[in-house]
PDB file of N, CA and C in Angstrom:
ATOM      1  N   UNK A   1      35.769 -29.346  -9.934  1.00  0.00           N
ATOM      2  CA  UNK A   1      35.490 -27.940  -9.712  1.00  0.00           C
ATOM      3  C   UNK A   1      36.369 -27.466  -8.553  1.00  0.00           C
ATOM      4  N   UNK A   2      37.045 -26.366  -8.770  1.00  0.00           N
ATOM      5  CA  UNK A   2      37.914 -25.834  -7.732  1.00  0.00           C
ATOM      6  C   UNK A   2      37.089 -25.119  -6.672  1.00  0.00           C
ATOM      7  N   UNK A   3      37.765 -24.803  -5.582  1.00  0.00           N
ATOM      8  CA  UNK A   3      37.077 -24.111  -4.488  1.00  0.00           C
ATOM      9  C   UNK A   3      36.580 -22.744  -4.958  1.00  0.00           C
ATOM     10  N   UNK A   4      37.376 -22.044  -5.745  1.00  0.00           N
ATOM     11  CA  UNK A   4      36.985 -20.729  -6.245  1.00  0.00           C
ATOM     12  C   UNK A   4      35.763 -20.838  -7.156  1.00  0.00           C
ATOM     13  N   UNK A   5      35.761 -21.813  -8.036  1.00  0.00           N
ATOM     14  CA  UNK A   5      34.612 -22.013  -8.920  1.00  0.00           C
ATOM     15  C   UNK A   5      33.359 -22.339  -8.117  1.00  0.00           C
ATOM     16  N   UNK A   6      33.533 -23.138  -7.099  1.00  0.00           N
ATOM     17  CA  UNK A   6      32.417 -23.507  -6.234  1.00  0.00           C
ATOM     18  C   UNK A   6      31.855 -22.278  -5.523  1.00  0.00           C
ATOM     19  N   UNK A   7      32.734 -21.438  -5.015  1.00  0.00           N
ATOM     20  CA  UNK A   7      32.292 -20.217  -4.325  1.00  0.00           C
ATOM     21  C   UNK A   7      31.585 -19.271  -5.285  1.00  0.00           C
ATOM     22  N   UNK A   8      32.123 -19.139  -6.496  1.00  0.00           N
ATOM     23  CA  UNK A   8      31.505 -18.260  -7.485  1.00  0.00           C
ATOM     24  C   UNK A   8      30.133 -18.798  -7.871  1.00  0.00           C
ATOM     25  N   UNK A   9      30.020 -20.094  -8.048  1.00  0.00           N
ATOM     26  CA  UNK A   9      28.732 -20.694  -8.395  1.00  0.00           C
ATOM     27  C   UNK A   9      27.715 -20.461  -7.280  1.00  0.00           C
ATOM     28  N   UNK A  10      28.150 -20.597  -6.025  1.00  0.00           N
ATOM     29  CA  UNK A  10      27.266 -20.354  -4.885  1.00  0.00           C
ATOM     30  C   UNK A  10      26.809 -18.898  -4.860  1.00  0.00           C
ATOM     31  N   UNK A  11      27.724 -17.991  -5.107  1.00  0.00           N
ATOM     32  CA  UNK A  11      27.373 -16.564  -5.146  1.00  0.00           C
ATOM     33  C   UNK A  11      26.387 -16.262  -6.279  1.00  0.00           C
ATOM     34  N   UNK A  12      26.583 -16.882  -7.411  1.00  0.00           N
ATOM     35  CA  UNK A  12      25.665 -16.685  -8.539  1.00  0.00           C
ATOM     36  C   UNK A  12      24.270 -17.188  -8.194  1.00  0.00           C
ATOM     37  N   UNK A  13      24.214 -18.326  -7.518  1.00  0.00           N
ATOM     38  CA  UNK A  13      22.912 -18.861  -7.107  1.00  0.00           C
ATOM     39  C   UNK A  13      22.229 -17.925  -6.106  1.00  0.00           C
ATOM     40  N   UNK A  14      22.995 -17.439  -5.151  1.00  0.00           N
ATOM     41  CA  UNK A  14      22.433 -16.509  -4.161  1.00  0.00           C
ATOM     42  C   UNK A  14      21.961 -15.223  -4.835  1.00  0.00           C
ATOM     43  N   UNK A  15      22.753 -14.723  -5.762  1.00  0.00           N
ATOM     44  CA  UNK A  15      22.387 -13.503  -6.482  1.00  0.00           C
ATOM     45  C   UNK A  15      21.086 -13.705  -7.263  1.00  0.00           C
ATOM     46  N   UNK A  16      20.968 -14.827  -7.923  1.00  0.00           N
ATOM     47  CA  UNK A  16      19.760 -15.124  -8.694  1.00  0.00           C
ATOM     48  C   UNK A  16      18.545 -15.197  -7.777  1.00  0.00           C
ATOM     49  N   UNK A  17      18.694 -15.836  -6.631  1.00  0.00           N
ATOM     50  CA  UNK A  17      17.601 -15.936  -5.665  1.00  0.00           C
ATOM     51  C   UNK A  17      17.217 -14.555  -5.135  1.00  0.00           C
ATOM     52  N   UNK A  18      18.217 -13.733  -4.849  1.00  0.00           N
ATOM     53  CA  UNK A  18      17.945 -12.379  -4.368  1.00  0.00           C
ATOM     54  C   UNK A  18      17.219 -11.551  -5.431  1.00  0.00           C
ATOM     55  N   UNK A  19      17.597 -11.704  -6.680  1.00  0.00           N
ATOM     56  CA  UNK A  19      16.925 -10.996  -7.764  1.00  0.00           C
ATOM     57  C   UNK A  19      15.459 -11.418  -7.862  1.00  0.00           C
ATOM     58  N   UNK A  20      15.200 -12.715  -7.720  1.00  0.00           N
ATOM     59  CA  UNK A  20      13.830 -13.213  -7.772  1.00  0.00           C
ATOM     60  C   UNK A  20      13.004 -12.659  -6.609  1.00  0.00           C
ATOM     61  N   UNK A  21      13.584 -12.691  -5.420  1.00  0.00           N
ATOM     62  CA  UNK A  21      12.887 -12.164  -4.239  1.00  0.00           C
ATOM     63  C   UNK A  21      12.616 -10.665  -4.378  1.00  0.00           C
ATOM     64  N   UNK A  22      13.581  -9.950  -4.912  1.00  0.00           N
ATOM     65  CA  UNK A  22      13.409  -8.516  -5.116  1.00  0.00           C
ATOM     66  C   UNK A  22      12.273  -8.233  -6.096  1.00  0.00           C
ATOM     67  N   UNK A  23      12.195  -9.018  -7.151  1.00  0.00           N
ATOM     68  CA  UNK A  23      11.109  -8.845  -8.121  1.00  0.00           C
ATOM     69  C   UNK A  23       9.763  -9.187  -7.491  1.00  0.00           C
ATOM     70  N   UNK A  24       9.724 -10.226  -6.689  1.00  0.00           N
ATOM     71  CA  UNK A  24       8.481 -10.576  -5.991  1.00  0.00           C
ATOM     72  C   UNK A  24       8.024  -9.449  -5.070  1.00  0.00           C
ATOM     73  N   UNK A  25       8.954  -8.887  -4.324  1.00  0.00           N
ATOM     74  CA  UNK A  25       8.620  -7.776  -3.437  1.00  0.00           C
ATOM     75  C   UNK A  25       8.169  -6.549  -4.226  1.00  0.00           C
ATOM     76  N   UNK A  26       8.812  -6.307  -5.322  1.00  0.00           N
ATOM     77  CA  UNK A  26       8.431  -5.184  -6.172  1.00  0.00           C
ATOM     78  C   UNK A  26       7.010  -5.366  -6.694  1.00  0.00           C
ATOM     79  N   UNK A  27       6.656  -6.581  -7.072  1.00  0.00           N
ATOM     80  CA  UNK A  27       5.302  -6.864  -7.539  1.00  0.00           C
ATOM     81  C   UNK A  27       4.272  -6.629  -6.438  1.00  0.00           C
ATOM     82  N   UNK A  28       4.622  -7.012  -5.221  1.00  0.00           N
ATOM     83  CA  UNK A  28       3.718  -6.808  -4.083  1.00  0.00           C
ATOM     84  C   UNK A  28       3.525  -5.314  -3.824  1.00  0.00           C
ATOM     85  N   UNK A  29       4.603  -4.568  -3.832  1.00  0.00           N
ATOM     86  CA  UNK A  29       4.518  -3.126  -3.595  1.00  0.00           C
ATOM     87  C   UNK A  29       3.683  -2.460  -4.692  1.00  0.00           C
ATOM     88  N   UNK A  30       3.868  -2.876  -5.918  1.00  0.00           N
ATOM     89  CA  UNK A  30       3.093  -2.320  -7.033  1.00  0.00           C
ATOM     90  C   UNK A  30       1.606  -2.598  -6.847  1.00  0.00           C
ATOM     91  N   UNK A  31       1.255  -3.816  -6.481  1.00  0.00           N
ATOM     92  CA  UNK A  31      -0.152  -4.169  -6.269  1.00  0.00           C
ATOM     93  C   UNK A  31      -0.731  -3.377  -5.096  1.00  0.00           C
ATOM     94  N   UNK A  32       0.040  -3.209  -4.041  1.00  0.00           N
ATOM     95  CA  UNK A  32      -0.435  -2.440  -2.892  1.00  0.00           C
ATOM     96  C   UNK A  32      -0.650  -0.976  -3.273  1.00  0.00           C
ATOM     97  N   UNK A  33       0.240  -0.423  -4.075  1.00  0.00           N
ATOM     98  CA  UNK A  33       0.090   0.971  -4.481  1.00  0.00           C
ATOM     99  C   UNK A  33      -1.156   1.155  -5.342  1.00  0.00           C
ATOM    100  N   UNK A  34      -1.431   0.178  -6.205  1.00  0.00           N
ATOM    101  CA  UNK A  34      -2.659   0.251  -6.999  1.00  0.00           C
ATOM    102  C   UNK A  34      -3.882   0.240  -6.095  1.00  0.00           C
ATOM    103  N   UNK A  35      -3.874  -0.597  -5.069  1.00  0.00           N
ATOM    104  CA  UNK A  35      -4.990  -0.658  -4.124  1.00  0.00           C
ATOM    105  C   UNK A  35      -5.122   0.651  -3.358  1.00  0.00           C
ATOM    106  N   UNK A  36      -4.011   1.209  -2.934  1.00  0.00           N
ATOM    107  CA  UNK A  36      -4.035   2.474  -2.210  1.00  0.00           C
ATOM    108  C   UNK A  36      -4.596   3.579  -3.098  1.00  0.00           C
ATOM    109  N   UNK A  37      -4.152   3.629  -4.343  1.00  0.00           N
ATOM    110  CA  UNK A  37      -4.653   4.650  -5.266  1.00  0.00           C
ATOM    111  C   UNK A  37      -6.155   4.522  -5.465  1.00  0.00           C
ATOM    112  N   UNK A  38      -6.625   3.299  -5.605  1.00  0.00           N
ATOM    113  CA  UNK A  38      -8.057   3.060  -5.777  1.00  0.00           C
ATOM    114  C   UNK A  38      -8.838   3.495  -4.539  1.00  0.00           C
ATOM    115  N   UNK A  39      -8.339   3.147  -3.370  1.00  0.00           N
ATOM    116  CA  UNK A  39      -9.004   3.532  -2.132  1.00  0.00           C
ATOM    117  C   UNK A  39      -8.994   5.048  -1.930  1.00  0.00           C
ATOM    118  N   UNK A  40      -7.902   5.698  -2.278  1.00  0.00           N
ATOM    119  CA  UNK A  40      -7.836   7.154  -2.152  1.00  0.00           C
ATOM    120  C   UNK A  40      -8.854   7.818  -3.075  1.00  0.00           C
ATOM    121  N   UNK A  41      -8.998   7.306  -4.278  1.00  0.00           N
ATOM    122  CA  UNK A  41      -9.984   7.859  -5.206  1.00  0.00           C
ATOM    123  C   UNK A  41     -11.393   7.651  -4.662  1.00  0.00           C
ATOM    124  N   UNK A  42     -11.637   6.493  -4.085  1.00  0.00           N
ATOM    125  CA  UNK A  42     -12.950   6.206  -3.515  1.00  0.00           C
ATOM    126  C   UNK A  42     -13.251   7.121  -2.326  1.00  0.00           C
ATOM    127  N   UNK A  43     -12.278   7.360  -1.484  1.00  0.00           N
ATOM    128  CA  UNK A  43     -12.464   8.262  -0.347  1.00  0.00           C
ATOM    129  C   UNK A  43     -12.753   9.677  -0.848  1.00  0.00           C
ATOM    130  N   UNK A  44     -12.026  10.120  -1.864  1.00  0.00           N
ATOM    131  CA  UNK A  44     -12.260  11.460  -2.422  1.00  0.00           C
ATOM    132  C   UNK A  44     -13.676  11.565  -2.975  1.00  0.00           C
ATOM    133  N   UNK A  45     -14.133  10.534  -3.657  1.00  0.00           N
ATOM    134  CA  UNK A  45     -15.492  10.530  -4.201  1.00  0.00           C
ATOM    135  C   UNK A  45     -16.523  10.573  -3.082  1.00  0.00           C
ATOM    136  N   UNK A  46     -16.307   9.798  -2.037  1.00  0.00           N
ATOM    137  CA  UNK A  46     -17.240   9.799  -0.910  1.00  0.00           C
ATOM    138  C   UNK A  46     -17.251  11.155  -0.192  1.00  0.00           C
ATOM    139  N   UNK A  47     -16.095  11.785  -0.110  1.00  0.00           N
ATOM    140  CA  UNK A  47     -16.042  13.125   0.496  1.00  0.00           C
ATOM    141  C   UNK A  47     -16.859  14.117  -0.321  1.00  0.00           C
ATOM    142  N   UNK A  48     -16.713  14.054  -1.645  1.00  0.00           N
ATOM    143  CA  UNK A  48     -17.479  14.953  -2.505  1.00  0.00           C
ATOM    144  C   UNK A  48     -18.970  14.720  -2.336  1.00  0.00           C
ATOM    145  N   UNK A  49     -19.364  13.455  -2.285  1.00  0.00           N
ATOM    146  CA  UNK A  49     -20.781  13.137  -2.104  1.00  0.00           C
ATOM    147  C   UNK A  49     -21.274  13.643  -0.756  1.00  0.00           C
ATOM    148  N   UNK A  50     -20.470  13.481   0.272  1.00  0.00           N
ATOM    149  CA  UNK A  50     -20.848  13.926   1.606  1.00  0.00           C
ATOM    150  C   UNK A  50     -20.976  15.446   1.667  1.00  0.00           C
ATOM    151  N   UNK A  51     -20.038  16.139   1.043  1.00  0.00           N
ATOM    152  CA  UNK A  51     -20.088  17.595   1.025  1.00  0.00           C
ATOM    153  C   UNK A  51     -21.257  18.110   0.198  1.00  0.00           C
ATOM    154  N   UNK A  52     -21.704  17.343  -0.780  1.00  0.00           N
ATOM    155  CA  UNK A  52     -22.808  17.760  -1.647  1.00  0.00           C
ATOM    156  C   UNK A  52     -24.157  17.647  -0.947  1.00  0.00           C
ATOM    157  N   UNK A  53     -24.233  16.851   0.103  1.00  0.00           N
ATOM    158  CA  UNK A  53     -25.491  16.696   0.838  1.00  0.00           C
ATOM    159  C   UNK A  53     -25.660  17.850   1.810  1.00  0.00           C
ATOM    160  N   UNK A  54     -26.658  18.711   1.591  1.00  0.00           N
ATOM    161  CA  UNK A  54     -26.832  19.862   2.485  1.00  0.00           C
ATOM    162  C   UNK A  54     -27.276  19.432   3.884  1.00  0.00           C
ATOM    163  N   UNK A  55     -26.590  19.943   4.883  1.00  0.00           N
ATOM    164  CA  UNK A  55     -26.966  19.690   6.264  1.00  0.00           C
ATOM    165  C   UNK A  55     -26.605  18.322   6.792  1.00  0.00           C
ATOM    166  N   UNK A  56     -26.094  17.457   5.961  1.00  0.00           N
ATOM    167  CA  UNK A  56     -25.795  16.091   6.404  1.00  0.00           C
ATOM    168  C   UNK A  56     -24.648  16.080   7.411  1.00  0.00           C
ATOM    169  N   UNK A  57     -23.629  16.859   7.168  1.00  0.00           N
ATOM    170  CA  UNK A  57     -22.476  16.877   8.064  1.00  0.00           C
ATOM    171  C   UNK A  57     -22.873  17.466   9.409  1.00  0.00           C
ATOM    172  N   UNK A  58     -23.623  18.567   9.404  1.00  0.00           N
ATOM    173  CA  UNK A  58     -24.019  19.198  10.662  1.00  0.00           C
ATOM    174  C   UNK A  58     -24.997  18.334  11.444  1.00  0.00           C
ATOM    175  N   UNK A  59     -25.874  17.633  10.746  1.00  0.00           N
ATOM    176  CA  UNK A  59     -26.872  16.804  11.421  1.00  0.00           C
ATOM    177  C   UNK A  59     -26.213  15.619  12.130  1.00  0.00           C
ATOM    178  N   UNK A  60     -25.104  15.164  11.619  1.00  0.00           N
ATOM    179  CA  UNK A  60     -24.417  14.022  12.217  1.00  0.00           C
ATOM    180  C   UNK A  60     -23.394  14.437  13.270  1.00  0.00           C
ATOM    181  N   UNK A  61     -23.167  15.724  13.412  1.00  0.00           N
ATOM    182  CA  UNK A  61     -22.175  16.201  14.382  1.00  0.00           C
ATOM    183  C   UNK A  61     -22.706  15.901  15.798  1.00  0.00           C
ATOM    184  N   UNK A  62     -21.818  15.434  16.633  1.00  0.00           N
ATOM    185  CA  UNK A  62     -22.187  15.122  18.017  1.00  0.00           C
ATOM    186  C   UNK A  62     -21.961  16.365  18.870  1.00  0.00           C
ATOM    187  N   UNK A  63     -23.002  16.816  19.526  1.00  0.00           N
ATOM    188  CA  UNK A  63     -22.870  17.992  20.387  1.00  0.00           C
ATOM    189  C   UNK A  63     -22.498  17.543  21.788  1.00  0.00           C
ATOM    190  N   UNK A  64     -21.745  18.387  22.479  1.00  0.00           N
ATOM    191  CA  UNK A  64     -21.346  18.087  23.852  1.00  0.00           C
ATOM    192  C   UNK A  64     -22.534  18.365  24.776  1.00  0.00           C
ATOM    193  N   UNK A  65     -22.679  17.565  25.767  1.00  0.00           N
ATOM    194  CA  UNK A  65     -23.712  17.845  26.757  1.00  0.00           C
ATOM    195  C   UNK A  65     -23.433  19.188  27.451  1.00  0.00           C
ATOM    196  N   UNK A  66     -24.457  19.845  28.005  1.00  0.00           N
ATOM    197  CA  UNK A  66     -24.293  21.173  28.588  1.00  0.00           C
ATOM    198  C   UNK A  66     -23.298  21.239  29.747  1.00  0.00           C
ATOM    199  N   UNK A  67     -23.049  20.140  30.430  1.00  0.00           N
ATOM    200  CA  UNK A  67     -22.164  20.198  31.594  1.00  0.00           C
ATOM    201  C   UNK A  67     -20.676  20.242  31.230  1.00  0.00           C
ATOM    202  N   UNK A  68     -20.325  20.219  29.943  1.00  0.00           N
ATOM    203  CA  UNK A  68     -18.910  20.314  29.545  1.00  0.00           C
ATOM    204  C   UNK A  68     -18.487  21.727  29.417  1.00  0.00           C
TER     205      UNK A  68
END
């Protein structure tokens, strides 16, 4: 194997490894986005439930002491 062939083979191996790593990272980002979407939907649902409870938000509000 010539030096050029050796260098090309090394580059091909590096490229293949980079492609695999890129796909792994893409899979992680996809899974994280699914989790974020699920959590955002859950937060929206909890907000709706909280807003539907009359007086619940005001009752939990912390009032400042008179000396402020």
